[in-house]
């Protein structure tokens, strides 16, 4: 099914000015640096500065490519969707994983010291996953935070860009972020809550794929063309 606009008409969305986009980017960049460093107590950490710089770059791309309409859908969906209860738990788990990892690596030192090579590799993979997540959002204006059919927004199959290779490229990025956050933030023990986050991600992907197969027109045909959910040639 092509990604041409649906005949369902929606009201035109407010488009922020370039100045407003830059203000939002600057504010997020400040938070991405200040909050982790304050929690960890490590203002001079090169790892956290690299983390903040990567998050800032992803935010810069997001504010220039992700539509305000999609941002509203993600943060204020009109219904809890099929799996709203899981979303209620996932966000606190993500927050807890990040906070615990920062406290562990910066203040508590519960985990054994992490070799620099592991932490650098974790940062690279984490930021790669974050970039993949934002890139998928930039192609798919129906990238909601809940599993639902967005009839009021003219929901249809997106099969271009990364969606021409796998059916759920956003989940590739999200799972990579979840799996490597403990390494990126320097905590071995953070893999405990982090593994729960990854489990929720796989569970959500399975539920969403089956739901779209049953309820989104054209998705079954799309799945016949693009056979793999996450990794071409594997699954």
C-alpha atoms as a PDB file:
ATOM      1  CA  UNK A   1       0.000   0.000   0.000  1.00  0.00           C
ATOM      2  CA  UNK A   2       1.417   3.377  -0.870  1.00  0.00           C
ATOM      3  CA  UNK A   3       2.116   6.072   1.688  1.00  0.00           C
ATOM      4  CA  UNK A   4      -0.035   8.570  -0.183  1.00  0.00           C
ATOM      5  CA  UNK A   5      -2.300  10.719   1.951  1.00  0.00           C
ATOM      6  CA  UNK A   6      -5.574   9.194   3.043  1.00  0.00           C
ATOM      7  CA  UNK A   7      -8.823  10.795   1.902  1.00  0.00           C
ATOM      8  CA  UNK A   8      -9.669  11.352   5.574  1.00  0.00           C
ATOM      9  CA  UNK A   9      -9.169  15.059   6.199  1.00  0.00           C
ATOM     10  CA  UNK A  10      -7.666  16.434   9.376  1.00  0.00           C
ATOM     11  CA  UNK A  11      -7.341  19.993  10.600  1.00  0.00           C
ATOM     12  CA  UNK A  12      -4.049  21.708   9.692  1.00  0.00           C
ATOM     13  CA  UNK A  13      -1.584  21.553  12.546  1.00  0.00           C
ATOM     14  CA  UNK A  14       0.300  24.460  14.064  1.00  0.00           C
ATOM     15  CA  UNK A  15       3.818  24.723  12.687  1.00  0.00           C
ATOM     16  CA  UNK A  16       6.394  26.231  15.085  1.00  0.00           C
ATOM     17  CA  UNK A  17       8.798  28.843  13.799  1.00  0.00           C
ATOM     18  CA  UNK A  18      12.491  28.156  13.364  1.00  0.00           C
ATOM     19  CA  UNK A  19      13.195  30.221  16.451  1.00  0.00           C
ATOM     20  CA  UNK A  20      10.771  28.160  18.533  1.00  0.00           C
ATOM     21  CA  UNK A  21      12.355  24.951  17.290  1.00  0.00           C
ATOM     22  CA  UNK A  22      15.793  26.193  18.329  1.00  0.00           C
ATOM     23  CA  UNK A  23      14.512  27.208  21.758  1.00  0.00           C
ATOM     24  CA  UNK A  24      13.032  23.738  22.277  1.00  0.00           C
ATOM     25  CA  UNK A  25      16.251  22.107  21.116  1.00  0.00           C
ATOM     26  CA  UNK A  26      18.376  24.288  23.391  1.00  0.00           C
ATOM     27  CA  UNK A  27      16.135  23.573  26.385  1.00  0.00           C
ATOM     28  CA  UNK A  28      16.258  19.815  25.818  1.00  0.00           C
ATOM     29  CA  UNK A  29      20.035  19.945  25.287  1.00  0.00           C
ATOM     30  CA  UNK A  30      20.435  21.749  28.606  1.00  0.00           C
ATOM     31  CA  UNK A  31      18.355  19.123  30.393  1.00  0.00           C
ATOM     32  CA  UNK A  32      20.235  16.264  28.669  1.00  0.00           C
ATOM     33  CA  UNK A  33      23.476  17.609  30.140  1.00  0.00           C
ATOM     34  CA  UNK A  34      22.378  19.013  33.499  1.00  0.00           C
ATOM     35  CA  UNK A  35      20.114  16.225  34.788  1.00  0.00           C
ATOM     36  CA  UNK A  36      22.468  13.220  34.254  1.00  0.00           C
ATOM     37  CA  UNK A  37      25.445  15.145  35.623  1.00  0.00           C
ATOM     38  CA  UNK A  38      23.485  16.284  38.664  1.00  0.00           C
ATOM     39  CA  UNK A  39      22.291  12.748  39.421  1.00  0.00           C
ATOM     40  CA  UNK A  40      25.734  11.215  38.905  1.00  0.00           C
ATOM     41  CA  UNK A  41      27.588  14.095  40.584  1.00  0.00           C
ATOM     42  CA  UNK A  42      30.102  14.139  37.740  1.00  0.00           C
ATOM     43  CA  UNK A  43      30.137  17.470  35.947  1.00  0.00           C
ATOM     44  CA  UNK A  44      33.476  16.750  34.316  1.00  0.00           C
ATOM     45  CA  UNK A  45      32.673  13.270  33.006  1.00  0.00           C
ATOM     46  CA  UNK A  46      33.640  12.948  29.360  1.00  0.00           C
ATOM     47  CA  UNK A  47      31.196  10.060  29.031  1.00  0.00           C
ATOM     48  CA  UNK A  48      28.268  12.176  30.194  1.00  0.00           C
ATOM     49  CA  UNK A  49      29.278  15.078  27.960  1.00  0.00           C
ATOM     50  CA  UNK A  50      29.360  12.678  25.005  1.00  0.00           C
ATOM     51  CA  UNK A  51      25.967  11.311  26.095  1.00  0.00           C
ATOM     52  CA  UNK A  52      24.544  14.841  26.272  1.00  0.00           C
ATOM     53  CA  UNK A  53      26.030  15.819  22.905  1.00  0.00           C
ATOM     54  CA  UNK A  54      24.532  12.769  21.208  1.00  0.00           C
ATOM     55  CA  UNK A  55      21.111  13.374  22.754  1.00  0.00           C
ATOM     56  CA  UNK A  56      21.336  17.017  21.681  1.00  0.00           C
ATOM     57  CA  UNK A  57      22.089  16.008  18.087  1.00  0.00           C
ATOM     58  CA  UNK A  58      19.114  13.624  18.065  1.00  0.00           C
ATOM     59  CA  UNK A  59      16.888  16.377  19.489  1.00  0.00           C
ATOM     60  CA  UNK A  60      18.058  18.825  16.811  1.00  0.00           C
ATOM     61  CA  UNK A  61      17.084  16.358  14.104  1.00  0.00           C
ATOM     62  CA  UNK A  62      13.768  15.589  15.818  1.00  0.00           C
ATOM     63  CA  UNK A  63      12.588  19.196  16.153  1.00  0.00           C
ATOM     64  CA  UNK A  64      13.223  19.727  12.435  1.00  0.00           C
ATOM     65  CA  UNK A  65      11.696  16.493  11.119  1.00  0.00           C
ATOM     66  CA  UNK A  66       8.998  15.255  13.526  1.00  0.00           C
ATOM     67  CA  UNK A  67       5.672  17.017  13.037  1.00  0.00           C
ATOM     68  CA  UNK A  68       4.003  18.786  15.986  1.00  0.00           C
ATOM     69  CA  UNK A  69       0.903  16.681  15.246  1.00  0.00           C
ATOM     70  CA  UNK A  70       2.885  13.500  15.873  1.00  0.00           C
ATOM     71  CA  UNK A  71       4.451  14.977  19.020  1.00  0.00           C
ATOM     72  CA  UNK A  72       0.972  15.623  20.406  1.00  0.00           C
ATOM     73  CA  UNK A  73      -0.109  12.098  19.502  1.00  0.00           C
ATOM     74  CA  UNK A  74       2.887  10.602  21.282  1.00  0.00           C
ATOM     75  CA  UNK A  75       2.581  12.638  24.478  1.00  0.00           C
ATOM     76  CA  UNK A  76      -1.211  13.053  24.609  1.00  0.00           C
ATOM     77  CA  UNK A  77      -2.888  10.176  22.743  1.00  0.00           C
ATOM     78  CA  UNK A  78      -6.693  10.439  22.818  1.00  0.00           C
ATOM     79  CA  UNK A  79      -7.058   6.865  24.119  1.00  0.00           C
ATOM     80  CA  UNK A  80      -4.892   4.364  26.032  1.00  0.00           C
ATOM     81  CA  UNK A  81      -4.948   2.045  23.041  1.00  0.00           C
ATOM     82  CA  UNK A  82      -4.615  -1.710  23.173  1.00  0.00           C
ATOM     83  CA  UNK A  83      -1.644  -1.835  25.560  1.00  0.00           C
ATOM     84  CA  UNK A  84      -1.963   1.284  27.693  1.00  0.00           C
ATOM     85  CA  UNK A  85      -1.338  -0.540  30.972  1.00  0.00           C
ATOM     86  CA  UNK A  86       2.095  -1.689  29.794  1.00  0.00           C
ATOM     87  CA  UNK A  87       2.988   1.854  28.754  1.00  0.00           C
ATOM     88  CA  UNK A  88       2.089   3.013  32.267  1.00  0.00           C
ATOM     89  CA  UNK A  89       4.812   0.703  33.617  1.00  0.00           C
ATOM     90  CA  UNK A  90       7.439   1.066  30.886  1.00  0.00           C
ATOM     91  CA  UNK A  91       8.064   4.777  31.376  1.00  0.00           C
ATOM     92  CA  UNK A  92       8.845   4.463  35.122  1.00  0.00           C
ATOM     93  CA  UNK A  93      11.104   1.478  34.366  1.00  0.00           C
ATOM     94  CA  UNK A  94      13.061   3.493  31.790  1.00  0.00           C
ATOM     95  CA  UNK A  95      13.387   6.384  34.244  1.00  0.00           C
ATOM     96  CA  UNK A  96      14.414   4.074  37.090  1.00  0.00           C
ATOM     97  CA  UNK A  97      17.034   2.337  34.930  1.00  0.00           C
ATOM     98  CA  UNK A  98      18.637   5.643  33.946  1.00  0.00           C
ATOM     99  CA  UNK A  99      18.590   7.071  37.475  1.00  0.00           C
ATOM    100  CA  UNK A 100      19.954   3.896  39.053  1.00  0.00           C
ATOM    101  CA  UNK A 101      22.714   3.625  36.435  1.00  0.00           C
ATOM    102  CA  UNK A 102      23.792   7.236  36.989  1.00  0.00           C
ATOM    103  CA  UNK A 103      23.757   6.912  40.775  1.00  0.00           C
ATOM    104  CA  UNK A 104      25.656   3.637  40.601  1.00  0.00           C
ATOM    105  CA  UNK A 105      28.374   4.851  38.227  1.00  0.00           C
ATOM    106  CA  UNK A 106      28.746   8.310  39.759  1.00  0.00           C
ATOM    107  CA  UNK A 107      28.036   8.059  43.490  1.00  0.00           C
ATOM    108  CA  UNK A 108      27.339   4.580  44.851  1.00  0.00           C
ATOM    109  CA  UNK A 109      29.822   2.422  42.873  1.00  0.00           C
ATOM    110  CA  UNK A 110      27.854  -0.752  43.581  1.00  0.00           C
ATOM    111  CA  UNK A 111      28.913  -2.243  40.253  1.00  0.00           C
ATOM    112  CA  UNK A 112      32.451  -3.267  39.458  1.00  0.00           C
ATOM    113  CA  UNK A 113      34.342  -0.615  37.468  1.00  0.00           C
ATOM    114  CA  UNK A 114      33.404  -0.683  33.792  1.00  0.00           C
ATOM    115  CA  UNK A 115      36.316  -0.772  31.312  1.00  0.00           C
ATOM    116  CA  UNK A 116      36.498   2.284  29.066  1.00  0.00           C
ATOM    117  CA  UNK A 117      36.128   0.180  25.911  1.00  0.00           C
ATOM    118  CA  UNK A 118      32.808  -1.233  27.126  1.00  0.00           C
ATOM    119  CA  UNK A 119      31.437   2.152  28.072  1.00  0.00           C
ATOM    120  CA  UNK A 120      32.511   3.762  24.798  1.00  0.00           C
ATOM    121  CA  UNK A 121      30.948   0.886  22.841  1.00  0.00           C
ATOM    122  CA  UNK A 122      27.784   1.273  24.912  1.00  0.00           C
ATOM    123  CA  UNK A 123      27.614   4.992  24.206  1.00  0.00           C
ATOM    124  CA  UNK A 124      28.047   4.426  20.468  1.00  0.00           C
ATOM    125  CA  UNK A 125      25.331   1.751  20.366  1.00  0.00           C
ATOM    126  CA  UNK A 126      22.973   3.740  22.605  1.00  0.00           C
ATOM    127  CA  UNK A 127      23.247   6.872  20.467  1.00  0.00           C
ATOM    128  CA  UNK A 128      22.929   4.796  17.289  1.00  0.00           C
ATOM    129  CA  UNK A 129      19.702   3.329  18.640  1.00  0.00           C
ATOM    130  CA  UNK A 130      18.431   6.772  19.604  1.00  0.00           C
ATOM    131  CA  UNK A 131      19.196   8.059  16.117  1.00  0.00           C
ATOM    132  CA  UNK A 132      17.406   5.108  14.520  1.00  0.00           C
ATOM    133  CA  UNK A 133      14.370   5.724  16.722  1.00  0.00           C
ATOM    134  CA  UNK A 134      14.117   9.393  15.744  1.00  0.00           C
ATOM    135  CA  UNK A 135      14.811   8.593  12.089  1.00  0.00           C
ATOM    136  CA  UNK A 136      11.899   6.129  12.028  1.00  0.00           C
ATOM    137  CA  UNK A 137       9.640   8.781  13.574  1.00  0.00           C
ATOM    138  CA  UNK A 138      10.632  11.256  10.891  1.00  0.00           C
ATOM    139  CA  UNK A 139       9.298   8.847   8.236  1.00  0.00           C
ATOM    140  CA  UNK A 140       6.181   7.669  10.027  1.00  0.00           C
ATOM    141  CA  UNK A 141       3.718  10.348  11.108  1.00  0.00           C
ATOM    142  CA  UNK A 142       1.602   7.642  12.794  1.00  0.00           C
ATOM    143  CA  UNK A 143       4.368   6.626  15.212  1.00  0.00           C
ATOM    144  CA  UNK A 144       2.124   6.754  18.269  1.00  0.00           C
ATOM    145  CA  UNK A 145       3.115   5.828  21.808  1.00  0.00           C
ATOM    146  CA  UNK A 146       0.022   3.595  22.058  1.00  0.00           C
ATOM    147  CA  UNK A 147      -1.264   0.732  19.919  1.00  0.00           C
ATOM    148  CA  UNK A 148      -4.347   2.047  18.119  1.00  0.00           C
ATOM    149  CA  UNK A 149      -5.739   2.812  14.664  1.00  0.00           C
ATOM    150  CA  UNK A 150      -5.626   6.590  14.224  1.00  0.00           C
ATOM    151  CA  UNK A 151      -8.712   6.995  12.042  1.00  0.00           C
ATOM    152  CA  UNK A 152      -9.018  10.700  12.853  1.00  0.00           C
ATOM    153  CA  UNK A 153      -5.523  11.230  11.422  1.00  0.00           C
ATOM    154  CA  UNK A 154      -6.035   9.190   8.257  1.00  0.00           C
ATOM    155  CA  UNK A 155      -3.959   6.245   9.436  1.00  0.00           C
ATOM    156  CA  UNK A 156      -2.461   4.191   6.608  1.00  0.00           C
ATOM    157  CA  UNK A 157       0.523   1.960   5.946  1.00  0.00           C
ATOM    158  CA  UNK A 158       3.936   3.616   5.641  1.00  0.00           C
ATOM    159  CA  UNK A 159       6.212   1.546   3.403  1.00  0.00           C
ATOM    160  CA  UNK A 160       8.974   3.982   2.421  1.00  0.00           C
ATOM    161  CA  UNK A 161      12.327   4.886   3.953  1.00  0.00           C
ATOM    162  CA  UNK A 162      13.398   2.399   6.656  1.00  0.00           C
ATOM    163  CA  UNK A 163       9.918   0.840   6.514  1.00  0.00           C
ATOM    164  CA  UNK A 164      10.810  -0.580   3.097  1.00  0.00           C
ATOM    165  CA  UNK A 165      13.390  -2.832   4.805  1.00  0.00           C
ATOM    166  CA  UNK A 166      11.749  -3.878   8.079  1.00  0.00           C
ATOM    167  CA  UNK A 167       8.264  -3.396   9.481  1.00  0.00           C
ATOM    168  CA  UNK A 168       9.303  -1.901  12.813  1.00  0.00           C
ATOM    169  CA  UNK A 169      12.506   0.150  12.450  1.00  0.00           C
ATOM    170  CA  UNK A 170      11.551   2.307  15.433  1.00  0.00           C
ATOM    171  CA  UNK A 171      11.610  -0.764  17.654  1.00  0.00           C
ATOM    172  CA  UNK A 172      15.091  -1.599  16.391  1.00  0.00           C
ATOM    173  CA  UNK A 173      16.262   1.732  17.781  1.00  0.00           C
ATOM    174  CA  UNK A 174      14.205   1.478  20.965  1.00  0.00           C
ATOM    175  CA  UNK A 175      15.465  -2.026  21.799  1.00  0.00           C
ATOM    176  CA  UNK A 176      19.054  -1.008  21.103  1.00  0.00           C
ATOM    177  CA  UNK A 177      18.635   1.969  23.444  1.00  0.00           C
ATOM    178  CA  UNK A 178      17.179  -0.228  26.182  1.00  0.00           C
ATOM    179  CA  UNK A 179      19.809  -2.936  25.809  1.00  0.00           C
ATOM    180  CA  UNK A 180      22.803  -0.575  25.875  1.00  0.00           C
ATOM    181  CA  UNK A 181      21.713   2.146  28.319  1.00  0.00           C
ATOM    182  CA  UNK A 182      23.442   0.386  31.257  1.00  0.00           C
ATOM    183  CA  UNK A 183      26.730   0.339  29.330  1.00  0.00           C
ATOM    184  CA  UNK A 184      26.346   3.931  28.152  1.00  0.00           C
ATOM    185  CA  UNK A 185      25.778   5.124  31.730  1.00  0.00           C
ATOM    186  CA  UNK A 186      28.404   2.856  33.279  1.00  0.00           C
ATOM    187  CA  UNK A 187      26.444   0.423  35.482  1.00  0.00           C
ATOM    188  CA  UNK A 188      26.491  -3.372  35.302  1.00  0.00           C
ATOM    189  CA  UNK A 189      23.639  -3.670  37.810  1.00  0.00           C
ATOM    190  CA  UNK A 190      21.411  -1.480  35.644  1.00  0.00           C
ATOM    191  CA  UNK A 191      21.056  -4.460  33.313  1.00  0.00           C
ATOM    192  CA  UNK A 192      18.535  -5.856  35.821  1.00  0.00           C
ATOM    193  CA  UNK A 193      15.848  -3.175  35.250  1.00  0.00           C
ATOM    194  CA  UNK A 194      17.151  -2.707  31.707  1.00  0.00           C
ATOM    195  CA  UNK A 195      16.328  -6.319  30.824  1.00  0.00           C
ATOM    196  CA  UNK A 196      12.737  -5.724  31.928  1.00  0.00           C
ATOM    197  CA  UNK A 197      12.589  -2.714  29.622  1.00  0.00           C
ATOM    198  CA  UNK A 198      13.840  -4.806  26.686  1.00  0.00           C
ATOM    199  CA  UNK A 199      11.315  -7.557  27.485  1.00  0.00           C
ATOM    200  CA  UNK A 200       8.494  -5.002  27.413  1.00  0.00           C
ATOM    201  CA  UNK A 201       9.789  -3.765  24.058  1.00  0.00           C
ATOM    202  CA  UNK A 202       9.654  -7.222  22.451  1.00  0.00           C
ATOM    203  CA  UNK A 203       6.240  -7.879  23.973  1.00  0.00           C
ATOM    204  CA  UNK A 204       4.902  -4.584  22.637  1.00  0.00           C
ATOM    205  CA  UNK A 205       6.309  -5.241  19.156  1.00  0.00           C
ATOM    206  CA  UNK A 206       4.591  -8.644  19.000  1.00  0.00           C
ATOM    207  CA  UNK A 207       1.259  -7.217  20.163  1.00  0.00           C
ATOM    208  CA  UNK A 208       1.406  -4.244  17.790  1.00  0.00           C
ATOM    209  CA  UNK A 209       2.352  -6.290  14.740  1.00  0.00           C
ATOM    210  CA  UNK A 210      -0.549  -8.695  15.283  1.00  0.00           C
ATOM    211  CA  UNK A 211      -2.955  -5.813  15.941  1.00  0.00           C
ATOM    212  CA  UNK A 212      -1.971  -3.973  12.742  1.00  0.00           C
ATOM    213  CA  UNK A 213      -2.227  -7.213  10.769  1.00  0.00           C
ATOM    214  CA  UNK A 214      -5.829  -7.582  11.922  1.00  0.00           C
ATOM    215  CA  UNK A 215      -7.041  -3.973  11.870  1.00  0.00           C
ATOM    216  CA  UNK A 216      -4.998  -1.697   9.561  1.00  0.00           C
ATOM    217  CA  UNK A 217      -6.099  -1.910   5.902  1.00  0.00           C
ATOM    218  CA  UNK A 218      -3.207  -2.905   3.659  1.00  0.00           C
ATOM    219  CA  UNK A 219      -0.915  -4.028   6.466  1.00  0.00           C
ATOM    220  CA  UNK A 220      -1.256  -7.731   5.701  1.00  0.00           C
ATOM    221  CA  UNK A 221      -0.186  -7.082   2.087  1.00  0.00           C
ATOM    222  CA  UNK A 222       2.662  -4.898   3.329  1.00  0.00           C
ATOM    223  CA  UNK A 223       3.811  -7.697   5.662  1.00  0.00           C
ATOM    224  CA  UNK A 224       3.843 -10.100   2.717  1.00  0.00           C
ATOM    225  CA  UNK A 225       6.233  -7.731   0.890  1.00  0.00           C
ATOM    226  CA  UNK A 226       8.363  -6.742   3.893  1.00  0.00           C
ATOM    227  CA  UNK A 227       8.709 -10.051   5.672  1.00  0.00           C
ATOM    228  CA  UNK A 228      10.985  -9.109   8.554  1.00  0.00           C
ATOM    229  CA  UNK A 229       9.927  -7.263  11.684  1.00  0.00           C
ATOM    230  CA  UNK A 230      13.335  -6.130  13.006  1.00  0.00           C
ATOM    231  CA  UNK A 231      16.364  -7.571  11.202  1.00  0.00           C
ATOM    232  CA  UNK A 232      16.454  -8.305   7.458  1.00  0.00           C
ATOM    233  CA  UNK A 233      17.045 -11.997   6.835  1.00  0.00           C
ATOM    234  CA  UNK A 234      16.618 -12.928  10.527  1.00  0.00           C
ATOM    235  CA  UNK A 235      13.257 -11.919  12.074  1.00  0.00           C
END
